[in-house]
């Protein structure tokens, strides 16, 4: 299985492709030095391959490299972060301003 993760705009998200086809994404909004992840999705036909974990891992690594704080609103990203405590130093709970930025 050949996969790759890339950052996309409009909407802002990290996409994962499998065999050249978009398989899923982790969507976010950047707000005041914080990257708020609010939705992760993998197509049903790509389920069970661990692709959500791959795209979230790459998204978190990129966020760290960019010097931003990770804010997990998405339940999948929250769960992933609990299994990867090495990223606790850049993770924070969402604030009302973070939640407003999602709708903004």
C-alpha atoms as a PDB file:
ATOM      1  CA  UNK A   1       0.000   0.000   0.000  1.00  0.00           C
ATOM      2  CA  UNK A   2       1.439   3.342  -1.070  1.00  0.00           C
ATOM      3  CA  UNK A   3       0.309   6.288   1.070  1.00  0.00           C
ATOM      4  CA  UNK A   4       1.324   9.916   1.342  1.00  0.00           C
ATOM      5  CA  UNK A   5       0.215  12.879   3.471  1.00  0.00           C
ATOM      6  CA  UNK A   6       0.126  16.456   2.224  1.00  0.00           C
ATOM      7  CA  UNK A   7      -1.142  19.767   3.524  1.00  0.00           C
ATOM      8  CA  UNK A   8      -3.985  21.299   1.555  1.00  0.00           C
ATOM      9  CA  UNK A   9      -5.753  24.660   1.592  1.00  0.00           C
ATOM     10  CA  UNK A  10      -9.358  25.695   1.152  1.00  0.00           C
ATOM     11  CA  UNK A  11     -10.249  24.002   3.392  1.00  0.00           C
ATOM     12  CA  UNK A  12      -7.151  23.771   5.570  1.00  0.00           C
ATOM     13  CA  UNK A  13      -6.411  20.103   6.142  1.00  0.00           C
ATOM     14  CA  UNK A  14      -3.876  17.335   5.929  1.00  0.00           C
ATOM     15  CA  UNK A  15      -4.907  14.766   3.318  1.00  0.00           C
ATOM     16  CA  UNK A  16      -3.815  11.177   3.075  1.00  0.00           C
ATOM     17  CA  UNK A  17      -3.802   9.409  -0.252  1.00  0.00           C
ATOM     18  CA  UNK A  18      -3.690   5.674  -0.804  1.00  0.00           C
ATOM     19  CA  UNK A  19      -2.597   4.415  -4.203  1.00  0.00           C
ATOM     20  CA  UNK A  20      -3.047   7.968  -5.532  1.00  0.00           C
ATOM     21  CA  UNK A  21      -6.627   8.383  -4.304  1.00  0.00           C
ATOM     22  CA  UNK A  22      -7.665  10.735  -1.468  1.00  0.00           C
ATOM     23  CA  UNK A  23      -8.534   8.400   1.391  1.00  0.00           C
ATOM     24  CA  UNK A  24      -9.085  10.826   4.242  1.00  0.00           C
ATOM     25  CA  UNK A  25      -8.099  14.007   6.031  1.00  0.00           C
ATOM     26  CA  UNK A  26      -7.602  15.843   9.315  1.00  0.00           C
ATOM     27  CA  UNK A  27      -9.179  19.302   9.068  1.00  0.00           C
ATOM     28  CA  UNK A  28      -8.009  22.262  11.137  1.00  0.00           C
ATOM     29  CA  UNK A  29      -8.036  26.009  11.583  1.00  0.00           C
ATOM     30  CA  UNK A  30      -5.020  28.059  12.711  1.00  0.00           C
ATOM     31  CA  UNK A  31      -5.812  30.645  15.377  1.00  0.00           C
ATOM     32  CA  UNK A  32      -3.382  32.757  17.464  1.00  0.00           C
ATOM     33  CA  UNK A  33      -0.484  30.292  17.251  1.00  0.00           C
ATOM     34  CA  UNK A  34      -2.797  27.353  17.848  1.00  0.00           C
ATOM     35  CA  UNK A  35      -3.803  24.672  15.349  1.00  0.00           C
ATOM     36  CA  UNK A  36      -7.327  23.535  16.179  1.00  0.00           C
ATOM     37  CA  UNK A  37      -8.097  20.075  14.773  1.00  0.00           C
ATOM     38  CA  UNK A  38     -11.857  19.695  14.540  1.00  0.00           C
ATOM     39  CA  UNK A  39     -12.613  16.894  12.081  1.00  0.00           C
ATOM     40  CA  UNK A  40     -10.896  13.710  10.928  1.00  0.00           C
ATOM     41  CA  UNK A  41     -12.405  11.403   8.332  1.00  0.00           C
ATOM     42  CA  UNK A  42     -11.368   8.356   6.335  1.00  0.00           C
ATOM     43  CA  UNK A  43     -13.510   7.018   3.498  1.00  0.00           C
ATOM     44  CA  UNK A  44     -15.406   3.845   4.323  1.00  0.00           C
ATOM     45  CA  UNK A  45     -13.658   1.951   1.534  1.00  0.00           C
ATOM     46  CA  UNK A  46     -10.296   2.749   3.198  1.00  0.00           C
ATOM     47  CA  UNK A  47     -11.321   1.760   6.731  1.00  0.00           C
ATOM     48  CA  UNK A  48      -9.289  -0.623   8.843  1.00  0.00           C
ATOM     49  CA  UNK A  49      -5.944   0.302   7.272  1.00  0.00           C
ATOM     50  CA  UNK A  50      -4.716   2.669  10.003  1.00  0.00           C
ATOM     51  CA  UNK A  51      -4.894   5.676   7.693  1.00  0.00           C
ATOM     52  CA  UNK A  52      -6.515   7.995  10.263  1.00  0.00           C
ATOM     53  CA  UNK A  53      -3.600   7.399  12.613  1.00  0.00           C
ATOM     54  CA  UNK A  54      -1.082   8.066   9.858  1.00  0.00           C
ATOM     55  CA  UNK A  55      -2.648  11.360   8.777  1.00  0.00           C
ATOM     56  CA  UNK A  56      -3.020  12.573  12.372  1.00  0.00           C
ATOM     57  CA  UNK A  57       0.563  11.625  13.224  1.00  0.00           C
ATOM     58  CA  UNK A  58       1.905  13.552  10.227  1.00  0.00           C
ATOM     59  CA  UNK A  59      -0.361  16.516  11.030  1.00  0.00           C
ATOM     60  CA  UNK A  60       0.884  16.641  14.631  1.00  0.00           C
ATOM     61  CA  UNK A  61       4.531  16.353  13.519  1.00  0.00           C
ATOM     62  CA  UNK A  62       4.032  19.222  11.066  1.00  0.00           C
ATOM     63  CA  UNK A  63       2.316  21.323  13.727  1.00  0.00           C
ATOM     64  CA  UNK A  64       5.286  20.773  16.058  1.00  0.00           C
ATOM     65  CA  UNK A  65       7.742  21.724  13.297  1.00  0.00           C
ATOM     66  CA  UNK A  66       5.785  24.932  12.687  1.00  0.00           C
ATOM     67  CA  UNK A  67       5.982  25.825  16.391  1.00  0.00           C
ATOM     68  CA  UNK A  68       2.221  25.779  16.918  1.00  0.00           C
ATOM     69  CA  UNK A  69       0.152  24.403  19.782  1.00  0.00           C
ATOM     70  CA  UNK A  70      -2.124  21.433  19.077  1.00  0.00           C
ATOM     71  CA  UNK A  71      -5.737  21.872  20.149  1.00  0.00           C
ATOM     72  CA  UNK A  72      -7.844  18.732  19.756  1.00  0.00           C
ATOM     73  CA  UNK A  73     -11.574  19.256  19.336  1.00  0.00           C
ATOM     74  CA  UNK A  74     -11.944  16.205  17.083  1.00  0.00           C
ATOM     75  CA  UNK A  75     -12.586  13.075  19.194  1.00  0.00           C
ATOM     76  CA  UNK A  76     -10.188  11.000  17.088  1.00  0.00           C
ATOM     77  CA  UNK A  77      -7.315  13.483  17.521  1.00  0.00           C
ATOM     78  CA  UNK A  78      -8.017  13.638  21.289  1.00  0.00           C
ATOM     79  CA  UNK A  79      -7.864   9.846  21.513  1.00  0.00           C
ATOM     80  CA  UNK A  80      -4.693   9.691  19.393  1.00  0.00           C
ATOM     81  CA  UNK A  81      -2.977  12.229  21.652  1.00  0.00           C
ATOM     82  CA  UNK A  82      -3.785  10.189  24.789  1.00  0.00           C
ATOM     83  CA  UNK A  83      -1.948   7.267  23.171  1.00  0.00           C
ATOM     84  CA  UNK A  84       1.019   9.486  22.250  1.00  0.00           C
ATOM     85  CA  UNK A  85       1.946  11.407  25.417  1.00  0.00           C
ATOM     86  CA  UNK A  86       5.204  12.542  23.822  1.00  0.00           C
ATOM     87  CA  UNK A  87       3.147  15.364  22.291  1.00  0.00           C
ATOM     88  CA  UNK A  88       1.642  16.558  25.589  1.00  0.00           C
ATOM     89  CA  UNK A  89       4.136  19.439  25.668  1.00  0.00           C
ATOM     90  CA  UNK A  90       2.480  21.063  22.640  1.00  0.00           C
ATOM     91  CA  UNK A  91      -1.152  20.079  23.373  1.00  0.00           C
ATOM     92  CA  UNK A  92      -3.739  22.209  25.134  1.00  0.00           C
ATOM     93  CA  UNK A  93      -7.460  22.012  25.780  1.00  0.00           C
ATOM     94  CA  UNK A  94      -9.706  24.124  23.545  1.00  0.00           C
ATOM     95  CA  UNK A  95     -10.737  27.578  24.719  1.00  0.00           C
ATOM     96  CA  UNK A  96     -13.941  29.389  23.772  1.00  0.00           C
ATOM     97  CA  UNK A  97     -11.859  31.424  21.281  1.00  0.00           C
ATOM     98  CA  UNK A  98     -10.594  28.215  19.671  1.00  0.00           C
ATOM     99  CA  UNK A  99     -14.145  26.936  19.273  1.00  0.00           C
ATOM    100  CA  UNK A 100     -15.263  30.276  17.829  1.00  0.00           C
ATOM    101  CA  UNK A 101     -12.404  30.125  15.287  1.00  0.00           C
ATOM    102  CA  UNK A 102     -13.826  26.876  13.875  1.00  0.00           C
ATOM    103  CA  UNK A 103     -17.054  28.624  12.946  1.00  0.00           C
ATOM    104  CA  UNK A 104     -15.289  31.820  12.041  1.00  0.00           C
END
